[in-house]
Amino acid sequence: MRAPNPTVLVVGATGRFAGLVVPELVCRNASVRALVRDHSANVEKARKLGASEVATGDLRNRQSLESAVEGVDGVFHIGPAFAPDEAAMGIAMVEAASRAGVRKFVFSSVIQPTNTSLENHASKVPVEAALYSTNMEYTILHPANFMQNIGAAWPSVVEHGIFSEPFPKTPKVARVDYRDVAELAAIALTEARLSYATLELCAGMHSREDIVSMMSEELGRPISAGEPTFGEWAANARLPYSDRQMHLLAKVHDHYAQFGLGGNSLTLHAALGREPRSLRSFIRELALQTACVA
């Protein structure tokens, strides 16, 4: 059963990933209140995505969170990547929502959060634990590596004919299209069927050799699999991360080098009620966009 026109607070609503949740909520007749840190820079972007309200707040400022959650029916939360106090910020959001009487809470966590060797995974566990000690209808999403990360590298792939990641080309890594994650988040916030579910979200496992084979077929020309060092890769990626954040990201890629990243598509397929978006279809979209621009 759908909730009639709920109001949902979306944390990071103008970001690359939470921004995909906003239109999914709007198409399910939810009103979106976007939580942004910089009102002047993000209000127009939030409204273009479909938000009807914009709240200014900071996950490190509990008073601002209390104002942001006032009167909302649900909260979508995704933490800032590799932030040193990511767990504390997530707990603060959970506690503010619980005190305000929010009914539903969806947390975009990560696949294998109990892998304590990876700090960015383990930091999700205290937030999940905080949700279990509330009366809110929670839904916890465990997405695999986002296909959108391949999309970010696509211009370089087209220009140089190489798809590079800083680990060997043979380990298989579980991936998911975050649009499917966003769809499930919106379902969970507007319907009852995903309440109290914890869902591993993966659309398949592929090596970089598999990926460049798909890219070659879709582009109609050879694409090779690069194996740069982390330092070489980071210099080209130019990520807006601190030295500490880059160190944590390097540990993720070291883990992929040794073990890959496992994941199973059964839960995602069942929750969506359809086949999830495949990596092949994601690459095909990128190739079609390239052809249209050319």
C-alpha atoms as a PDB file:
ATOM      1  CA  MET A   1       0.000   0.000   0.000  1.00  0.00           C
ATOM      2  CA  ARG A   2       1.303   3.441  -0.903  1.00  0.00           C
ATOM      3  CA  ALA A   3       1.469   6.241   1.629  1.00  0.00           C
ATOM      4  CA  PRO A   4      -0.624   9.180   0.367  1.00  0.00           C
ATOM      5  CA  ASN A   5       1.762  11.939  -0.730  1.00  0.00           C
ATOM      6  CA  PRO A   6       4.457  11.523   1.934  1.00  0.00           C
ATOM      7  CA  THR A   7       7.122  14.148   2.485  1.00  0.00           C
ATOM      8  CA  VAL A   8      10.636  12.715   2.334  1.00  0.00           C
ATOM      9  CA  LEU A   9      13.874  14.365   3.403  1.00  0.00           C
ATOM     10  CA  VAL A  10      16.698  13.388   1.037  1.00  0.00           C
ATOM     11  CA  VAL A  11      20.200  13.818   2.423  1.00  0.00           C
ATOM     12  CA  GLY A  12      22.649  14.998  -0.227  1.00  0.00           C
ATOM     13  CA  ALA A  13      19.823  15.475  -2.712  1.00  0.00           C
ATOM     14  CA  THR A  14      22.000  17.307  -5.231  1.00  0.00           C
ATOM     15  CA  GLY A  15      24.748  14.686  -5.168  1.00  0.00           C
ATOM     16  CA  ARG A  16      25.542  12.160  -7.896  1.00  0.00           C
ATOM     17  CA  PHE A  17      23.713   9.331  -6.152  1.00  0.00           C
ATOM     18  CA  ALA A  18      21.083  10.758  -3.816  1.00  0.00           C
ATOM     19  CA  GLY A  19      20.136  13.006  -6.734  1.00  0.00           C
ATOM     20  CA  LEU A  20      18.866   9.878  -8.514  1.00  0.00           C
ATOM     21  CA  VAL A  21      16.466   9.184  -5.635  1.00  0.00           C
ATOM     22  CA  VAL A  22      14.653  12.527  -5.908  1.00  0.00           C
ATOM     23  CA  PRO A  23      12.904  11.950  -9.288  1.00  0.00           C
ATOM     24  CA  GLU A  24      12.052   8.377  -8.282  1.00  0.00           C
ATOM     25  CA  LEU A  25      10.230   9.737  -5.240  1.00  0.00           C
ATOM     26  CA  VAL A  26       8.493  12.462  -7.232  1.00  0.00           C
ATOM     27  CA  CYS A  27       7.133   9.949  -9.760  1.00  0.00           C
ATOM     28  CA  ARG A  28       5.605   8.088  -6.795  1.00  0.00           C
ATOM     29  CA  ASN A  29       3.780  11.249  -5.674  1.00  0.00           C
ATOM     30  CA  ALA A  30       6.104  12.003  -2.771  1.00  0.00           C
ATOM     31  CA  SER A  31       7.070  15.551  -1.892  1.00  0.00           C
ATOM     32  CA  VAL A  32      10.836  15.879  -1.544  1.00  0.00           C
ATOM     33  CA  ARG A  33      12.591  18.117   0.945  1.00  0.00           C
ATOM     34  CA  ALA A  34      16.214  18.327  -0.150  1.00  0.00           C
ATOM     35  CA  LEU A  35      18.837  18.621   2.596  1.00  0.00           C
ATOM     36  CA  VAL A  36      21.794  20.658   1.342  1.00  0.00           C
ATOM     37  CA  ARG A  37      24.754  22.292   3.066  1.00  0.00           C
ATOM     38  CA  ASP A  38      25.067  25.293   0.753  1.00  0.00           C
ATOM     39  CA  HIS A  39      21.632  26.738   0.044  1.00  0.00           C
ATOM     40  CA  SER A  40      22.703  29.343  -2.518  1.00  0.00           C
ATOM     41  CA  ALA A  41      24.678  26.873  -4.637  1.00  0.00           C
ATOM     42  CA  ASN A  42      22.242  23.961  -4.575  1.00  0.00           C
ATOM     43  CA  VAL A  43      18.682  25.216  -4.271  1.00  0.00           C
ATOM     44  CA  GLU A  44      18.156  25.585  -8.025  1.00  0.00           C
ATOM     45  CA  LYS A  45      19.687  22.185  -8.734  1.00  0.00           C
ATOM     46  CA  ALA A  46      17.473  20.549  -6.122  1.00  0.00           C
ATOM     47  CA  ARG A  47      14.353  22.103  -7.590  1.00  0.00           C
ATOM     48  CA  LYS A  48      15.308  21.000 -11.107  1.00  0.00           C
ATOM     49  CA  LEU A  49      15.556  17.430  -9.841  1.00  0.00           C
ATOM     50  CA  GLY A  50      12.010  17.747  -8.475  1.00  0.00           C
ATOM     51  CA  ALA A  51      12.402  18.830  -4.845  1.00  0.00           C
ATOM     52  CA  SER A  52       9.538  21.010  -3.644  1.00  0.00           C
ATOM     53  CA  GLU A  53      11.392  22.180  -0.526  1.00  0.00           C
ATOM     54  CA  VAL A  54      15.046  22.823   0.298  1.00  0.00           C
ATOM     55  CA  ALA A  55      16.389  22.661   3.856  1.00  0.00           C
ATOM     56  CA  THR A  56      19.856  23.868   4.769  1.00  0.00           C
ATOM     57  CA  GLY A  57      21.617  21.660   7.271  1.00  0.00           C
ATOM     58  CA  ASP A  58      24.849  20.002   8.290  1.00  0.00           C
ATOM     59  CA  LEU A  59      25.147  16.386   9.393  1.00  0.00           C
ATOM     60  CA  ARG A  60      27.577  17.601  12.074  1.00  0.00           C
ATOM     61  CA  ASN A  61      25.024  20.098  13.448  1.00  0.00           C
ATOM     62  CA  ARG A  62      22.272  18.273  15.333  1.00  0.00           C
ATOM     63  CA  GLN A  63      20.116  21.378  15.695  1.00  0.00           C
ATOM     64  CA  SER A  64      20.026  21.853  11.928  1.00  0.00           C
ATOM     65  CA  LEU A  65      18.987  18.218  11.503  1.00  0.00           C
ATOM     66  CA  GLU A  66      16.142  18.617  13.972  1.00  0.00           C
ATOM     67  CA  SER A  67      14.813  21.504  11.886  1.00  0.00           C
ATOM     68  CA  ALA A  68      15.273  19.574   8.655  1.00  0.00           C
ATOM     69  CA  VAL A  69      13.268  16.518   9.770  1.00  0.00           C
ATOM     70  CA  GLU A  70      10.389  18.463  11.263  1.00  0.00           C
ATOM     71  CA  GLY A  71       7.131  17.293   9.688  1.00  0.00           C
ATOM     72  CA  VAL A  72       8.592  14.705   7.303  1.00  0.00           C
ATOM     73  CA  ASP A  73       7.297  11.156   6.889  1.00  0.00           C
ATOM     74  CA  GLY A  74      10.529   9.571   5.678  1.00  0.00           C
ATOM     75  CA  VAL A  75      14.281  10.083   5.379  1.00  0.00           C
ATOM     76  CA  PHE A  76      16.746   8.868   2.772  1.00  0.00           C
ATOM     77  CA  HIS A  77      20.311   8.920   4.059  1.00  0.00           C
ATOM     78  CA  ILE A  78      23.615   8.293   2.312  1.00  0.00           C
ATOM     79  CA  GLY A  79      26.831   9.253   4.084  1.00  0.00           C
ATOM     80  CA  PRO A  80      29.693  11.339   2.642  1.00  0.00           C
ATOM     81  CA  ALA A  81      32.284   9.017   1.124  1.00  0.00           C
ATOM     82  CA  PHE A  82      35.277   8.264   3.349  1.00  0.00           C
ATOM     83  CA  ALA A  83      34.438  11.016   5.871  1.00  0.00           C
ATOM     84  CA  PRO A  84      36.303  10.356   9.148  1.00  0.00           C
ATOM     85  CA  ASP A  85      33.121  10.866  11.190  1.00  0.00           C
ATOM     86  CA  GLU A  86      30.733   9.187   8.747  1.00  0.00           C
ATOM     87  CA  ALA A  87      29.307   6.909  11.454  1.00  0.00           C
ATOM     88  CA  ALA A  88      28.673   9.797  13.863  1.00  0.00           C
ATOM     89  CA  MET A  89      26.915  11.801  11.146  1.00  0.00           C
ATOM     90  CA  GLY A  90      24.707   8.854  10.243  1.00  0.00           C
ATOM     91  CA  ILE A  91      23.794   8.205  13.858  1.00  0.00           C
ATOM     92  CA  ALA A  92      22.947  11.879  14.324  1.00  0.00           C
ATOM     93  CA  MET A  93      20.567  11.684  11.356  1.00  0.00           C
ATOM     94  CA  VAL A  94      18.934   8.515  12.708  1.00  0.00           C
ATOM     95  CA  GLU A  95      18.493  10.022  16.160  1.00  0.00           C
ATOM     96  CA  ALA A  96      17.057  13.282  14.837  1.00  0.00           C
ATOM     97  CA  ALA A  97      14.551  11.384  12.673  1.00  0.00           C
ATOM     98  CA  SER A  98      13.554   9.088  15.526  1.00  0.00           C
ATOM     99  CA  ARG A  99      13.009  11.970  17.953  1.00  0.00           C
ATOM    100  CA  ALA A 100      10.877  13.766  15.375  1.00  0.00           C
ATOM    101  CA  GLY A 101       8.588  10.759  14.927  1.00  0.00           C
ATOM    102  CA  VAL A 102       9.635  10.061  11.335  1.00  0.00           C
ATOM    103  CA  ARG A 103       7.912   6.895  10.126  1.00  0.00           C
ATOM    104  CA  LYS A 104      10.306   5.526   7.486  1.00  0.00           C
ATOM    105  CA  PHE A 105      14.093   5.621   7.137  1.00  0.00           C
ATOM    106  CA  VAL A 106      16.113   4.287   4.212  1.00  0.00           C
ATOM    107  CA  PHE A 107      19.866   3.997   4.652  1.00  0.00           C
ATOM    108  CA  SER A 108      22.082   3.532   1.611  1.00  0.00           C
ATOM    109  CA  SER A 109      24.838   1.507   3.256  1.00  0.00           C
ATOM    110  CA  VAL A 110      27.331  -0.699   1.393  1.00  0.00           C
ATOM    111  CA  ILE A 111      27.744  -4.328   0.406  1.00  0.00           C
ATOM    112  CA  GLN A 112      29.620  -6.351   3.051  1.00  0.00           C
ATOM    113  CA  PRO A 113      29.522  -3.689   5.799  1.00  0.00           C
ATOM    114  CA  THR A 114      30.942  -6.167   8.327  1.00  0.00           C
ATOM    115  CA  ASN A 115      34.220  -6.290   6.384  1.00  0.00           C
ATOM    116  CA  THR A 116      36.093  -4.440   9.110  1.00  0.00           C
ATOM    117  CA  SER A 117      39.319  -4.373   7.086  1.00  0.00           C
ATOM    118  CA  LEU A 118      37.683  -1.613   5.024  1.00  0.00           C
ATOM    119  CA  GLU A 119      36.939   1.432   7.164  1.00  0.00           C
ATOM    120  CA  ASN A 120      34.413   2.883   4.721  1.00  0.00           C
ATOM    121  CA  HIS A 121      32.451  -0.372   4.979  1.00  0.00           C
ATOM    122  CA  ALA A 122      32.735  -0.769   8.741  1.00  0.00           C
ATOM    123  CA  SER A 123      31.626   2.840   9.327  1.00  0.00           C
ATOM    124  CA  LYS A 124      28.147   1.869   8.140  1.00  0.00           C
ATOM    125  CA  VAL A 125      27.630  -0.728  10.898  1.00  0.00           C
ATOM    126  CA  PRO A 126      27.009   1.732  13.794  1.00  0.00           C
ATOM    127  CA  VAL A 127      24.395   3.535  11.673  1.00  0.00           C
ATOM    128  CA  GLU A 128      22.617   0.267  10.939  1.00  0.00           C
ATOM    129  CA  ALA A 129      22.765  -0.632  14.639  1.00  0.00           C
ATOM    130  CA  ALA A 130      21.249   2.752  15.544  1.00  0.00           C
ATOM    131  CA  LEU A 131      18.314   2.057  13.222  1.00  0.00           C
ATOM    132  CA  TYR A 132      17.604  -1.263  14.920  1.00  0.00           C
ATOM    133  CA  SER A 133      17.088   0.638  18.193  1.00  0.00           C
ATOM    134  CA  THR A 134      14.314   2.890  16.882  1.00  0.00           C
ATOM    135  CA  ASN A 135      10.627   2.444  16.152  1.00  0.00           C
ATOM    136  CA  MET A 136      11.018   3.612  12.550  1.00  0.00           C
ATOM    137  CA  GLU A 137      10.287   1.363   9.569  1.00  0.00           C
ATOM    138  CA  TYR A 138      13.839   1.047   8.307  1.00  0.00           C
ATOM    139  CA  THR A 139      15.129  -0.329   5.025  1.00  0.00           C
ATOM    140  CA  ILE A 140      18.875  -0.900   4.705  1.00  0.00           C
ATOM    141  CA  LEU A 141      20.384  -1.075   1.234  1.00  0.00           C
ATOM    142  CA  HIS A 142      23.721  -2.830   0.632  1.00  0.00           C
ATOM    143  CA  PRO A 143      24.732  -1.750  -2.888  1.00  0.00           C
ATOM    144  CA  ALA A 144      27.819  -3.119  -4.624  1.00  0.00           C
ATOM    145  CA  ASN A 145      30.310  -0.965  -6.548  1.00  0.00           C
ATOM    146  CA  PHE A 146      28.344   1.628  -8.536  1.00  0.00           C
ATOM    147  CA  MET A 147      28.297   1.361 -12.332  1.00  0.00           C
ATOM    148  CA  GLN A 148      28.218   5.166 -12.359  1.00  0.00           C
ATOM    149  CA  ASN A 149      31.927   5.052 -11.473  1.00  0.00           C
ATOM    150  CA  ILE A 150      32.490   3.559 -14.929  1.00  0.00           C
ATOM    151  CA  GLY A 151      30.394   6.376 -16.362  1.00  0.00           C
ATOM    152  CA  ALA A 152      32.734   8.902 -14.742  1.00  0.00           C
ATOM    153  CA  ALA A 153      35.694   7.263 -16.525  1.00  0.00           C
ATOM    154  CA  TRP A 154      33.892   7.002 -19.869  1.00  0.00           C
ATOM    155  CA  PRO A 155      35.258  10.196 -21.529  1.00  0.00           C
ATOM    156  CA  SER A 156      38.791   8.922 -20.923  1.00  0.00           C
ATOM    157  CA  VAL A 157      37.856   5.498 -22.294  1.00  0.00           C
ATOM    158  CA  VAL A 158      36.540   7.067 -25.505  1.00  0.00           C
ATOM    159  CA  GLU A 159      39.542   9.356 -25.875  1.00  0.00           C
ATOM    160  CA  HIS A 160      42.344   6.921 -25.055  1.00  0.00           C
ATOM    161  CA  GLY A 161      40.847   3.485 -25.733  1.00  0.00           C
ATOM    162  CA  ILE A 162      41.792   2.239 -22.259  1.00  0.00           C
ATOM    163  CA  PHE A 163      39.681   1.508 -19.183  1.00  0.00           C
ATOM    164  CA  SER A 164      41.906   1.613 -16.124  1.00  0.00           C
ATOM    165  CA  GLU A 165      41.387   0.753 -12.474  1.00  0.00           C
ATOM    166  CA  PRO A 166      44.206   0.449  -9.906  1.00  0.00           C
ATOM    167  CA  PHE A 167      44.056  -3.292  -9.392  1.00  0.00           C
ATOM    168  CA  PRO A 168      44.605  -6.307 -11.683  1.00  0.00           C
ATOM    169  CA  LYS A 169      42.252  -6.838 -14.603  1.00  0.00           C
ATOM    170  CA  THR A 170      41.200 -10.386 -13.655  1.00  0.00           C
ATOM    171  CA  PRO A 171      39.402 -10.143 -10.251  1.00  0.00           C
ATOM    172  CA  LYS A 172      35.608 -10.046 -10.529  1.00  0.00           C
ATOM    173  CA  VAL A 173      33.882  -7.107  -8.853  1.00  0.00           C
ATOM    174  CA  ALA A 174      30.163  -6.946  -8.048  1.00  0.00           C
ATOM    175  CA  ARG A 175      28.494  -3.848  -9.482  1.00  0.00           C
ATOM    176  CA  VAL A 176      25.077  -2.228  -9.486  1.00  0.00           C
ATOM    177  CA  ASP A 177      23.442   0.617 -11.385  1.00  0.00           C
ATOM    178  CA  TYR A 178      22.557   3.169  -8.711  1.00  0.00           C
ATOM    179  CA  ARG A 179      19.358   3.975 -10.597  1.00  0.00           C
ATOM    180  CA  ASP A 180      18.087   0.582  -9.432  1.00  0.00           C
ATOM    181  CA  VAL A 181      19.153   1.399  -5.875  1.00  0.00           C
ATOM    182  CA  ALA A 182      17.315   4.724  -6.126  1.00  0.00           C
ATOM    183  CA  GLU A 183      14.183   2.969  -7.367  1.00  0.00           C
ATOM    184  CA  LEU A 184      14.195   0.612  -4.393  1.00  0.00           C
ATOM    185  CA  ALA A 185      14.802   3.493  -1.990  1.00  0.00           C
ATOM    186  CA  ALA A 186      11.745   5.280  -3.381  1.00  0.00           C
ATOM    187  CA  ILE A 187       9.639   2.122  -3.165  1.00  0.00           C
ATOM    188  CA  ALA A 188      10.703   1.628   0.446  1.00  0.00           C
ATOM    189  CA  LEU A 189       9.785   5.205   1.332  1.00  0.00           C
ATOM    190  CA  THR A 190       6.352   5.130  -0.311  1.00  0.00           C
ATOM    191  CA  GLU A 191       5.212   1.518   0.157  1.00  0.00           C
ATOM    192  CA  ALA A 192       5.240  -1.107   2.904  1.00  0.00           C
ATOM    193  CA  ARG A 193       6.674  -4.140   1.122  1.00  0.00           C
ATOM    194  CA  LEU A 194      10.341  -3.335   1.777  1.00  0.00           C
ATOM    195  CA  SER A 195       9.924  -2.254   5.396  1.00  0.00           C
ATOM    196  CA  TYR A 196      12.477  -3.840   7.759  1.00  0.00           C
ATOM    197  CA  ALA A 197      14.370  -5.364   4.827  1.00  0.00           C
ATOM    198  CA  THR A 198      18.151  -5.450   4.526  1.00  0.00           C
ATOM    199  CA  LEU A 199      18.966  -5.948   0.860  1.00  0.00           C
ATOM    200  CA  GLU A 200      22.201  -6.909  -0.911  1.00  0.00           C
ATOM    201  CA  LEU A 201      22.072  -5.092  -4.255  1.00  0.00           C
ATOM    202  CA  CYS A 202      24.209  -6.464  -7.065  1.00  0.00           C
ATOM    203  CA  ALA A 203      23.568  -6.917 -10.778  1.00  0.00           C
ATOM    204  CA  GLY A 204      26.477  -9.278 -11.481  1.00  0.00           C
ATOM    205  CA  MET A 205      30.216  -9.745 -11.108  1.00  0.00           C
ATOM    206  CA  HIS A 206      32.671  -8.853 -13.869  1.00  0.00           C
ATOM    207  CA  SER A 207      36.414  -8.592 -14.333  1.00  0.00           C
ATOM    208  CA  ARG A 208      37.893  -5.613 -16.112  1.00  0.00           C
ATOM    209  CA  GLU A 209      38.674  -7.976 -18.979  1.00  0.00           C
ATOM    210  CA  ASP A 210      34.919  -8.646 -19.211  1.00  0.00           C
ATOM    211  CA  ILE A 211      34.179  -4.924 -19.095  1.00  0.00           C
ATOM    212  CA  VAL A 212      36.563  -3.899 -21.877  1.00  0.00           C
ATOM    213  CA  SER A 213      35.194  -6.720 -24.034  1.00  0.00           C
ATOM    214  CA  MET A 214      31.711  -5.197 -23.654  1.00  0.00           C
ATOM    215  CA  MET A 215      33.084  -1.717 -24.325  1.00  0.00           C
ATOM    216  CA  SER A 216      34.858  -2.912 -27.475  1.00  0.00           C
ATOM    217  CA  GLU A 217      31.714  -4.550 -28.817  1.00  0.00           C
ATOM    218  CA  GLU A 218      29.482  -1.561 -28.067  1.00  0.00           C
ATOM    219  CA  LEU A 219      31.913   1.041 -29.437  1.00  0.00           C
ATOM    220  CA  GLY A 220      32.985  -1.072 -32.400  1.00  0.00           C
ATOM    221  CA  ARG A 221      36.699  -0.617 -31.708  1.00  0.00           C
ATOM    222  CA  PRO A 222      39.240  -2.167 -29.356  1.00  0.00           C
ATOM    223  CA  ILE A 223      39.356  -1.021 -25.741  1.00  0.00           C
ATOM    224  CA  SER A 224      42.140  -2.344 -23.528  1.00  0.00           C
ATOM    225  CA  ALA A 225      42.269  -2.928 -19.776  1.00  0.00           C
ATOM    226  CA  GLY A 226      44.771  -0.679 -18.010  1.00  0.00           C
ATOM    227  CA  GLU A 227      46.463  -1.693 -14.760  1.00  0.00           C
ATOM    228  CA  PRO A 228      47.968   1.505 -13.334  1.00  0.00           C
ATOM    229  CA  THR A 229      49.377   1.842  -9.851  1.00  0.00           C
ATOM    230  CA  PHE A 230      47.066   3.557  -7.394  1.00  0.00           C
ATOM    231  CA  GLY A 231      49.216   6.691  -7.524  1.00  0.00           C
ATOM    232  CA  GLU A 232      49.072   6.838 -11.320  1.00  0.00           C
ATOM    233  CA  TRP A 233      45.330   6.275 -11.332  1.00  0.00           C
ATOM    234  CA  ALA A 234      44.698   8.852  -8.599  1.00  0.00           C
ATOM    235  CA  ALA A 235      46.714  11.504 -10.456  1.00  0.00           C
ATOM    236  CA  ASN A 236      44.427  11.103 -13.471  1.00  0.00           C
ATOM    237  CA  ALA A 237      41.181  10.729 -11.511  1.00  0.00           C
ATOM    238  CA  ARG A 238      41.733  13.998  -9.598  1.00  0.00           C
ATOM    239  CA  LEU A 239      39.267  13.081  -6.884  1.00  0.00           C
ATOM    240  CA  PRO A 240      38.388  15.821  -4.348  1.00  0.00           C
ATOM    241  CA  TYR A 241      39.672  13.722  -1.443  1.00  0.00           C
ATOM    242  CA  SER A 242      42.109  14.371   1.403  1.00  0.00           C
ATOM    243  CA  ASP A 243      45.240  12.261   1.847  1.00  0.00           C
ATOM    244  CA  ARG A 244      43.392  10.216   4.468  1.00  0.00           C
ATOM    245  CA  GLN A 245      40.452   9.599   2.143  1.00  0.00           C
ATOM    246  CA  MET A 246      42.799   8.541  -0.660  1.00  0.00           C
ATOM    247  CA  HIS A 247      44.511   6.115   1.729  1.00  0.00           C
ATOM    248  CA  LEU A 248      41.158   4.507   2.543  1.00  0.00           C
ATOM    249  CA  LEU A 249      40.272   4.277  -1.142  1.00  0.00           C
ATOM    250  CA  ALA A 250      43.626   2.637  -1.843  1.00  0.00           C
ATOM    251  CA  LYS A 251      42.789  -0.013   0.757  1.00  0.00           C
ATOM    252  CA  VAL A 252      39.530  -0.754  -1.086  1.00  0.00           C
ATOM    253  CA  HIS A 253      41.417  -1.357  -4.312  1.00  0.00           C
ATOM    254  CA  ASP A 254      44.003  -3.486  -2.501  1.00  0.00           C
ATOM    255  CA  HIS A 255      41.119  -5.635  -1.282  1.00  0.00           C
ATOM    256  CA  TYR A 256      39.763  -5.951  -4.829  1.00  0.00           C
ATOM    257  CA  ALA A 257      43.235  -6.986  -5.999  1.00  0.00           C
ATOM    258  CA  GLN A 258      43.362  -9.842  -3.503  1.00  0.00           C
ATOM    259  CA  PHE A 259      39.745 -10.964  -3.304  1.00  0.00           C
ATOM    260  CA  GLY A 260      37.592  -9.148  -5.858  1.00  0.00           C
ATOM    261  CA  LEU A 261      34.144  -8.235  -4.542  1.00  0.00           C
ATOM    262  CA  GLY A 262      31.421 -10.862  -4.284  1.00  0.00           C
ATOM    263  CA  GLY A 263      27.735 -10.259  -4.768  1.00  0.00           C
ATOM    264  CA  ASN A 264      24.534 -12.025  -5.803  1.00  0.00           C
ATOM    265  CA  SER A 265      21.779 -10.558  -7.975  1.00  0.00           C
ATOM    266  CA  LEU A 266      18.924 -12.625  -6.502  1.00  0.00           C
ATOM    267  CA  THR A 267      17.832 -10.052  -3.916  1.00  0.00           C
ATOM    268  CA  LEU A 268      17.928  -7.114  -6.332  1.00  0.00           C
ATOM    269  CA  HIS A 269      15.896  -9.033  -8.906  1.00  0.00           C
ATOM    270  CA  ALA A 270      13.306 -10.050  -6.304  1.00  0.00           C
ATOM    271  CA  ALA A 271      12.991  -6.567  -4.796  1.00  0.00           C
ATOM    272  CA  LEU A 272      12.617  -4.844  -8.168  1.00  0.00           C
ATOM    273  CA  GLY A 273      10.283  -7.495  -9.561  1.00  0.00           C
ATOM    274  CA  ARG A 274      12.272  -7.417 -12.806  1.00  0.00           C
ATOM    275  CA  GLU A 275      15.763  -7.994 -14.153  1.00  0.00           C
ATOM    276  CA  PRO A 276      18.145  -5.365 -12.798  1.00  0.00           C
ATOM    277  CA  ARG A 277      19.955  -3.070 -15.190  1.00  0.00           C
ATOM    278  CA  SER A 278      22.953  -5.012 -16.435  1.00  0.00           C
ATOM    279  CA  LEU A 279      26.491  -3.760 -16.904  1.00  0.00           C
ATOM    280  CA  ARG A 280      26.102  -4.494 -20.621  1.00  0.00           C
ATOM    281  CA  SER A 281      23.037  -2.246 -20.856  1.00  0.00           C
ATOM    282  CA  PHE A 282      24.826   0.477 -18.879  1.00  0.00           C
ATOM    283  CA  ILE A 283      27.799   0.419 -21.265  1.00  0.00           C
ATOM    284  CA  ARG A 284      25.446   0.350 -24.255  1.00  0.00           C
ATOM    285  CA  GLU A 285      23.774   3.543 -23.001  1.00  0.00           C
ATOM    286  CA  LEU A 286      27.156   5.230 -22.702  1.00  0.00           C
ATOM    287  CA  ALA A 287      28.110   4.147 -26.216  1.00  0.00           C
ATOM    288  CA  LEU A 288      24.805   5.403 -27.668  1.00  0.00           C
ATOM    289  CA  GLN A 289      25.297   8.769 -25.970  1.00  0.00           C
ATOM    290  CA  THR A 290      28.770   8.953 -27.480  1.00  0.00           C
ATOM    291  CA  ALA A 291      27.389   8.170 -30.928  1.00  0.00           C
ATOM    292  CA  CYS A 292      24.736  10.887 -30.591  1.00  0.00           C
ATOM    293  CA  VAL A 293      27.341  13.500 -29.668  1.00  0.00           C
ATOM    294  CA  ALA A 294      29.744  12.523 -32.444  1.00  0.00           C
END
